[in-house]
Protein backbone atom coordinates (compact mmCIF):
# COMPACT_ATOMS: atom_id res chain seq x y z
CA MET A 1 86.23 95.42 87.22
CA LYS A 2 83.60 94.84 89.86
CA LEU A 3 79.99 94.20 88.80
CA LEU A 4 77.13 95.51 90.89
CA THR A 5 73.41 95.28 90.16
CA SER A 6 71.42 98.50 90.28
CA ARG A 7 69.44 97.01 93.18
CA ASP A 8 72.66 96.35 95.17
CA PHE A 9 73.94 99.81 94.24
CA ASN A 10 70.76 101.42 95.59
CA ARG A 11 70.95 99.36 98.79
CA ASP A 12 74.57 100.24 99.58
CA VAL A 13 75.96 103.27 97.76
CA SER A 14 78.84 103.47 100.25
CA LEU A 15 80.00 99.99 99.25
CA ALA A 16 80.02 101.03 95.59
CA LYS A 17 81.97 104.21 96.37
CA ARG A 18 84.56 102.29 98.36
CA ALA A 19 84.93 99.72 95.58
CA ALA A 20 85.31 102.51 92.99
CA GLN A 21 88.33 103.82 94.88
CA VAL A 22 90.08 100.54 94.00
CA GLU A 23 88.73 99.86 90.50
CA PRO A 24 85.87 100.93 88.24
CA VAL A 25 82.49 99.48 89.20
CA VAL A 26 80.09 98.45 86.43
CA ILE A 27 76.45 98.85 87.44
CA THR A 28 74.00 96.57 85.65
CA ASP A 29 70.29 96.83 85.05
CA ARG A 30 68.52 93.58 84.15
CA GLY A 31 71.89 91.97 83.49
CA GLN A 32 73.10 94.66 81.06
CA PRO A 33 75.88 97.14 81.93
CA THR A 34 74.41 100.65 82.14
CA HIS A 35 76.82 102.78 84.17
CA VAL A 36 80.40 102.86 85.40
CA LEU A 37 81.36 104.35 88.75
CA MET A 38 84.98 105.38 89.20
CA SER A 39 87.04 107.67 91.37
CA ILE A 40 87.46 111.27 90.25
CA GLY A 41 91.20 110.66 90.00
CA GLU A 42 90.68 107.81 87.55
CA TYR A 43 88.18 109.88 85.55
CA ARG A 44 90.61 112.78 85.29
CA ARG A 45 93.40 110.43 84.26
CA LEU A 46 91.25 109.00 81.47
CA THR A 47 89.99 112.37 80.22
CA GLY A 48 93.21 114.32 80.74
CA GLU A 49 91.23 116.83 82.79
CA GLY A 50 92.95 118.62 85.68
CA GLU A 51 91.54 120.20 88.79
CA SER A 52 89.63 123.44 88.29
CA ILE A 53 90.52 126.59 90.20
CA LEU A 54 87.22 126.27 92.12
CA GLU A 55 88.17 122.78 93.34
CA LEU A 56 91.61 123.99 94.35
CA LEU A 57 90.15 126.92 96.30
CA ALA A 58 87.64 124.63 98.03
CA MET A 59 90.34 122.25 99.31
CA PRO A 60 90.12 121.91 103.09
CA GLU A 61 93.86 121.84 103.68
CA GLY A 62 95.49 125.25 103.69
CA VAL A 63 98.73 126.35 102.17
CA ALA A 64 101.45 127.52 104.53
CA ILE A 65 102.91 130.91 103.62
CA ASP A 66 106.00 132.23 105.33
CA ALA A 67 105.47 135.97 105.94
CA ALA A 68 109.22 136.63 106.01
CA ASP A 69 109.64 135.07 102.57
CA ALA A 70 106.67 137.00 101.21
CA ALA A 71 108.09 140.29 102.52
CA ALA A 72 111.49 139.48 101.04
CA ASP A 73 109.80 138.97 97.67
CA GLY A 74 108.36 142.49 97.84
CA ALA A 75 104.87 141.42 98.84
CA TRP A 76 102.77 144.03 100.59
CA ASP A 77 102.81 143.67 104.36
CA HIS A 78 99.54 144.83 105.97
CA ARG A 79 101.44 145.60 109.18
CA GLU A 80 103.38 148.43 107.56
CA GLY A 81 102.27 151.95 108.26
CA LEU A 82 100.61 153.94 105.52
């Protein structure tokens, strides 16, 4: 685990975030551990928590859907006449 003082954390948050992608970062205040910064993946692993539907919907990468497969499955095709 990496140790980082609260002063160093405040000076360079990006450094702390990069380090937390590799391992948890313990942030100290007056020499005493006060907080732990870790990646969301590590947090979810420890808590057993999965991604919420809101996080899945907010993902920037899209999901490819083959229209021919969807039509074959009986999905409604907006191009059909009424």
